[in-house]
Amino acid sequence: MQKNLSIDDQTLTEIASLLALGILRWKQRQALQNKGLMARKALDFRAAGSIHVPQEQDNE
């Protein structure tokens, strides 16, 4: 048996608004976390994190 539930336009609009708000908050949290992560990586200038570049040798 299947019941047909009737939902009016106002209720659908409220549900859609709540879902959209939740998605926006979730995306904002992700953006803030990624921004903090990128800032920490971009400012990491320690020698241990750098790559080794061989120096040229003078044969004079």
PDB file of N, CA and C in Angstrom:
ATOM      1  N   MET A   1       0.840  -1.186   0.000  1.00  0.00           N
ATOM      2  CA  MET A   1       0.000   0.000   0.000  1.00  0.00           C
ATOM      3  C   MET A   1       0.881   1.243   0.000  1.00  0.00           C
ATOM      4  N   GLN A   2       0.474   2.170  -0.801  1.00  0.00           N
ATOM      5  CA  GLN A   2       1.252   3.388  -0.915  1.00  0.00           C
ATOM      6  C   GLN A   2       0.363   4.572  -0.565  1.00  0.00           C
ATOM      7  N   LYS A   3       0.874   5.423   0.322  1.00  0.00           N
ATOM      8  CA  LYS A   3       0.118   6.626   0.685  1.00  0.00           C
ATOM      9  C   LYS A   3       0.622   7.793  -0.147  1.00  0.00           C
ATOM     10  N   ASN A   4      -0.270   8.558  -0.662  1.00  0.00           N
ATOM     11  CA  ASN A   4       0.090   9.771  -1.381  1.00  0.00           C
ATOM     12  C   ASN A   4       0.070  10.934  -0.412  1.00  0.00           C
ATOM     13  N   LEU A   5       1.260  11.479  -0.155  1.00  0.00           N
ATOM     14  CA  LEU A   5       1.347  12.626   0.736  1.00  0.00           C
ATOM     15  C   LEU A   5       1.294  13.901  -0.091  1.00  0.00           C
ATOM     16  N   SER A   6       0.478  14.799   0.331  1.00  0.00           N
ATOM     17  CA  SER A   6       0.345  16.061  -0.379  1.00  0.00           C
ATOM     18  C   SER A   6       1.180  17.116   0.335  1.00  0.00           C
ATOM     19  N   ILE A   7       2.052  17.768  -0.415  1.00  0.00           N
ATOM     20  CA  ILE A   7       2.894  18.833   0.140  1.00  0.00           C
ATOM     21  C   ILE A   7       2.602  20.093  -0.655  1.00  0.00           C
ATOM     22  N   ASP A   8       2.298  21.150   0.064  1.00  0.00           N
ATOM     23  CA  ASP A   8       1.978  22.404  -0.625  1.00  0.00           C
ATOM     24  C   ASP A   8       3.258  23.126  -1.076  1.00  0.00           C
ATOM     25  N   ASP A   9       3.079  24.123  -1.897  1.00  0.00           N
ATOM     26  CA  ASP A   9       4.209  24.855  -2.473  1.00  0.00           C
ATOM     27  C   ASP A   9       5.066  25.534  -1.416  1.00  0.00           C
ATOM     28  N   GLN A  10       4.455  26.070  -0.385  1.00  0.00           N
ATOM     29  CA  GLN A  10       5.202  26.772   0.653  1.00  0.00           C
ATOM     30  C   GLN A  10       6.133  25.800   1.391  1.00  0.00           C
ATOM     31  N   THR A  11       5.649  24.615   1.682  1.00  0.00           N
ATOM     32  CA  THR A  11       6.471  23.620   2.372  1.00  0.00           C
ATOM     33  C   THR A  11       7.633  23.180   1.494  1.00  0.00           C
ATOM     34  N   LEU A  12       7.385  22.968   0.208  1.00  0.00           N
ATOM     35  CA  LEU A  12       8.466  22.606  -0.706  1.00  0.00           C
ATOM     36  C   LEU A  12       9.514  23.709  -0.798  1.00  0.00           C
ATOM     37  N   THR A  13       9.052  24.948  -0.815  1.00  0.00           N
ATOM     38  CA  THR A  13       9.975  26.074  -0.866  1.00  0.00           C
ATOM     39  C   THR A  13      10.834  26.129   0.393  1.00  0.00           C
ATOM     40  N   GLU A  14      10.228  25.889   1.554  1.00  0.00           N
ATOM     41  CA  GLU A  14      10.982  25.903   2.805  1.00  0.00           C
ATOM     42  C   GLU A  14      12.004  24.763   2.852  1.00  0.00           C
ATOM     43  N   ILE A  15      11.605  23.577   2.388  1.00  0.00           N
ATOM     44  CA  ILE A  15      12.536  22.444   2.354  1.00  0.00           C
ATOM     45  C   ILE A  15      13.705  22.740   1.423  1.00  0.00           C
ATOM     46  N   ALA A  16      13.415  23.270   0.256  1.00  0.00           N
ATOM     47  CA  ALA A  16      14.460  23.605  -0.706  1.00  0.00           C
ATOM     48  C   ALA A  16      15.404  24.663  -0.148  1.00  0.00           C
ATOM     49  N   SER A  17      14.858  25.649   0.558  1.00  0.00           N
ATOM     50  CA  SER A  17      15.689  26.700   1.156  1.00  0.00           C
ATOM     51  C   SER A  17      16.618  26.130   2.223  1.00  0.00           C
ATOM     52  N   LEU A  18      16.098  25.232   3.043  1.00  0.00           N
ATOM     53  CA  LEU A  18      16.923  24.619   4.088  1.00  0.00           C
ATOM     54  C   LEU A  18      18.032  23.756   3.485  1.00  0.00           C
ATOM     55  N   LEU A  19      17.696  23.001   2.460  1.00  0.00           N
ATOM     56  CA  LEU A  19      18.721  22.191   1.793  1.00  0.00           C
ATOM     57  C   LEU A  19      19.796  23.072   1.150  1.00  0.00           C
ATOM     58  N   ALA A  20      19.374  24.124   0.493  1.00  0.00           N
ATOM     59  CA  ALA A  20      20.332  25.033  -0.140  1.00  0.00           C
ATOM     60  C   ALA A  20      21.224  25.692   0.902  1.00  0.00           C
ATOM     61  N   LEU A  21      20.651  26.104   2.025  1.00  0.00           N
ATOM     62  CA  LEU A  21      21.433  26.720   3.091  1.00  0.00           C
ATOM     63  C   LEU A  21      22.453  25.736   3.651  1.00  0.00           C
ATOM     64  N   GLY A  22      22.046  24.487   3.835  1.00  0.00           N
ATOM     65  CA  GLY A  22      22.966  23.467   4.322  1.00  0.00           C
ATOM     66  C   GLY A  22      24.124  23.241   3.366  1.00  0.00           C
ATOM     67  N   ILE A  23      23.838  23.206   2.077  1.00  0.00           N
ATOM     68  CA  ILE A  23      24.892  23.016   1.076  1.00  0.00           C
ATOM     69  C   ILE A  23      25.842  24.203   1.072  1.00  0.00           C
ATOM     70  N   LEU A  24      25.314  25.412   1.157  1.00  0.00           N
ATOM     71  CA  LEU A  24      26.167  26.602   1.176  1.00  0.00           C
ATOM     72  C   LEU A  24      27.074  26.616   2.403  1.00  0.00           C
ATOM     73  N   ARG A  25      26.545  26.257   3.559  1.00  0.00           N
ATOM     74  CA  ARG A  25      27.369  26.211   4.779  1.00  0.00           C
ATOM     75  C   ARG A  25      28.449  25.149   4.659  1.00  0.00           C
ATOM     76  N   TRP A  26      28.101  23.993   4.101  1.00  0.00           N
ATOM     77  CA  TRP A  26      29.069  22.921   3.914  1.00  0.00           C
ATOM     78  C   TRP A  26      30.199  23.359   2.981  1.00  0.00           C
ATOM     79  N   LYS A  27      29.837  24.005   1.871  1.00  0.00           N
ATOM     80  CA  LYS A  27      30.841  24.485   0.922  1.00  0.00           C
ATOM     81  C   LYS A  27      31.725  25.562   1.551  1.00  0.00           C
ATOM     82  N   GLN A  28      31.134  26.428   2.375  1.00  0.00           N
ATOM     83  CA  GLN A  28      31.912  27.467   3.039  1.00  0.00           C
ATOM     84  C   GLN A  28      32.923  26.851   4.008  1.00  0.00           C
ATOM     85  N   ARG A  29      32.504  25.832   4.766  1.00  0.00           N
ATOM     86  CA  ARG A  29      33.429  25.158   5.680  1.00  0.00           C
ATOM     87  C   ARG A  29      34.575  24.509   4.917  1.00  0.00           C
ATOM     88  N   GLN A  30      34.265  23.878   3.809  1.00  0.00           N
ATOM     89  CA  GLN A  30      35.311  23.247   2.998  1.00  0.00           C
ATOM     90  C   GLN A  30      36.279  24.292   2.450  1.00  0.00           C
ATOM     91  N   ALA A  31      35.752  25.411   1.990  1.00  0.00           N
ATOM     92  CA  ALA A  31      36.600  26.459   1.431  1.00  0.00           C
ATOM     93  C   ALA A  31      37.526  27.028   2.507  1.00  0.00           C
ATOM     94  N   LEU A  32      37.006  27.232   3.705  1.00  0.00           N
ATOM     95  CA  LEU A  32      37.838  27.757   4.785  1.00  0.00           C
ATOM     96  C   LEU A  32      38.919  26.761   5.180  1.00  0.00           C
ATOM     97  N   GLN A  33      38.593  25.479   5.216  1.00  0.00           N
ATOM     98  CA  GLN A  33      39.589  24.464   5.547  1.00  0.00           C
ATOM     99  C   GLN A  33      40.665  24.396   4.465  1.00  0.00           C
ATOM    100  N   ASN A  34      40.258  24.441   3.207  1.00  0.00           N
ATOM    101  CA  ASN A  34      41.222  24.385   2.107  1.00  0.00           C
ATOM    102  C   ASN A  34      42.094  25.637   2.088  1.00  0.00           C
ATOM    103  N   LYS A  35      41.519  26.784   2.403  1.00  0.00           N
ATOM    104  CA  LYS A  35      42.283  28.022   2.419  1.00  0.00           C
ATOM    105  C   LYS A  35      43.355  27.966   3.494  1.00  0.00           C
ATOM    106  N   GLY A  36      43.000  27.474   4.674  1.00  0.00           N
ATOM    107  CA  GLY A  36      43.976  27.345   5.751  1.00  0.00           C
ATOM    108  C   GLY A  36      45.065  26.361   5.403  1.00  0.00           C
ATOM    109  N   LEU A  37      44.706  25.258   4.774  1.00  0.00           N
ATOM    110  CA  LEU A  37      45.686  24.253   4.375  1.00  0.00           C
ATOM    111  C   LEU A  37      46.636  24.828   3.331  1.00  0.00           C
ATOM    112  N   MET A  38      46.104  25.524   2.356  1.00  0.00           N
ATOM    113  CA  MET A  38      46.945  26.100   1.310  1.00  0.00           C
ATOM    114  C   MET A  38      47.865  27.181   1.865  1.00  0.00           C
ATOM    115  N   ALA A  39      47.381  27.967   2.815  1.00  0.00           N
ATOM    116  CA  ALA A  39      48.216  29.017   3.404  1.00  0.00           C
ATOM    117  C   ALA A  39      49.389  28.396   4.151  1.00  0.00           C
ATOM    118  N   ARG A  40      49.145  27.306   4.856  1.00  0.00           N
ATOM    119  CA  ARG A  40      50.238  26.646   5.592  1.00  0.00           C
ATOM    120  C   ARG A  40      51.252  26.055   4.618  1.00  0.00           C
ATOM    121  N   LYS A  41      50.794  25.485   3.527  1.00  0.00           N
ATOM    122  CA  LYS A  41      51.713  24.891   2.564  1.00  0.00           C
ATOM    123  C   LYS A  41      52.495  25.970   1.817  1.00  0.00           C
ATOM    124  N   ALA A  42      51.849  27.061   1.471  1.00  0.00           N
ATOM    125  CA  ALA A  42      52.499  28.101   0.692  1.00  0.00           C
ATOM    126  C   ALA A  42      53.580  28.814   1.495  1.00  0.00           C
ATOM    127  N   LEU A  43      53.450  28.851   2.807  1.00  0.00           N
ATOM    128  CA  LEU A  43      54.411  29.567   3.636  1.00  0.00           C
ATOM    129  C   LEU A  43      55.434  28.651   4.294  1.00  0.00           C
ATOM    130  N   ASP A  44      55.525  27.416   3.855  1.00  0.00           N
ATOM    131  CA  ASP A  44      56.465  26.468   4.428  1.00  0.00           C
ATOM    132  C   ASP A  44      57.776  26.525   3.646  1.00  0.00           C
ATOM    133  N   PHE A  45      58.739  27.304   4.156  1.00  0.00           N
ATOM    134  CA  PHE A  45      60.009  27.501   3.457  1.00  0.00           C
ATOM    135  C   PHE A  45      61.173  26.789   4.145  1.00  0.00           C
ATOM    136  N   ARG A  46      60.890  25.749   4.909  1.00  0.00           N
ATOM    137  CA  ARG A  46      61.959  25.043   5.616  1.00  0.00           C
ATOM    138  C   ARG A  46      62.850  24.316   4.621  1.00  0.00           C
ATOM    139  N   ALA A  47      64.118  24.181   4.968  1.00  0.00           N
ATOM    140  CA  ALA A  47      65.084  23.532   4.077  1.00  0.00           C
ATOM    141  C   ALA A  47      64.737  22.065   3.864  1.00  0.00           C
ATOM    142  N   ALA A  48      64.178  21.422   4.866  1.00  0.00           N
ATOM    143  CA  ALA A  48      63.847  20.001   4.728  1.00  0.00           C
ATOM    144  C   ALA A  48      62.782  19.776   3.663  1.00  0.00           C
ATOM    145  N   GLY A  49      61.998  20.784   3.370  1.00  0.00           N
ATOM    146  CA  GLY A  49      60.946  20.639   2.377  1.00  0.00           C
ATOM    147  C   GLY A  49      61.383  21.029   0.980  1.00  0.00           C
ATOM    148  N   SER A  50      62.609  21.551   0.837  1.00  0.00           N
ATOM    149  CA  SER A  50      63.043  21.994  -0.481  1.00  0.00           C
ATOM    150  C   SER A  50      63.716  20.853  -1.236  1.00  0.00           C
ATOM    151  N   ILE A  51      63.850  21.023  -2.520  1.00  0.00           N
ATOM    152  CA  ILE A  51      64.486  19.990  -3.337  1.00  0.00           C
ATOM    153  C   ILE A  51      65.971  20.309  -3.483  1.00  0.00           C
ATOM    154  N   HIS A  52      66.774  19.290  -3.698  1.00  0.00           N
ATOM    155  CA  HIS A  52      68.217  19.467  -3.844  1.00  0.00           C
ATOM    156  C   HIS A  52      68.549  19.805  -5.294  1.00  0.00           C
ATOM    157  N   VAL A  53      69.290  20.888  -5.474  1.00  0.00           N
ATOM    158  CA  VAL A  53      69.727  21.289  -6.807  1.00  0.00           C
ATOM    159  C   VAL A  53      71.242  21.131  -6.851  1.00  0.00           C
ATOM    160  N   PRO A  54      71.778  20.275  -7.718  1.00  0.00           N
ATOM    161  CA  PRO A  54      73.238  20.084  -7.784  1.00  0.00           C
ATOM    162  C   PRO A  54      73.920  21.361  -8.268  1.00  0.00           C
ATOM    163  N   GLN A  55      75.059  21.653  -7.649  1.00  0.00           N
ATOM    164  CA  GLN A  55      75.808  22.848  -8.040  1.00  0.00           C
ATOM    165  C   GLN A  55      76.776  22.494  -9.149  1.00  0.00           C
ATOM    166  N   GLU A  56      77.020  23.468 -10.016  1.00  0.00           N
ATOM    167  CA  GLU A  56      77.959  23.252 -11.107  1.00  0.00           C
ATOM    168  C   GLU A  56      79.369  23.258 -10.555  1.00  0.00           C
ATOM    169  N   GLN A  57      80.241  22.435 -11.115  1.00  0.00           N
ATOM    170  CA  GLN A  57      81.617  22.373 -10.663  1.00  0.00           C
ATOM    171  C   GLN A  57      82.502  23.113 -11.674  1.00  0.00           C
ATOM    172  N   ASP A  58      83.431  23.895 -11.117  1.00  0.00           N
ATOM    173  CA  ASP A  58      84.397  24.597 -11.980  1.00  0.00           C
ATOM    174  C   ASP A  58      85.595  23.690 -12.179  1.00  0.00           C
ATOM    175  N   ASN A  59      85.995  23.433 -13.417  1.00  0.00           N
ATOM    176  CA  ASN A  59      87.134  22.565 -13.724  1.00  0.00           C
ATOM    177  C   ASN A  59      88.342  23.386 -14.136  1.00  0.00           C
ATOM    178  N   GLU A  60      88.508  24.537 -13.575  1.00  0.00           N
ATOM    179  CA  GLU A  60      89.637  25.407 -13.972  1.00  0.00           C
ATOM    180  C   GLU A  60      90.845  25.145 -13.165  1.00  0.00           C
TER     181      GLU A  60
END
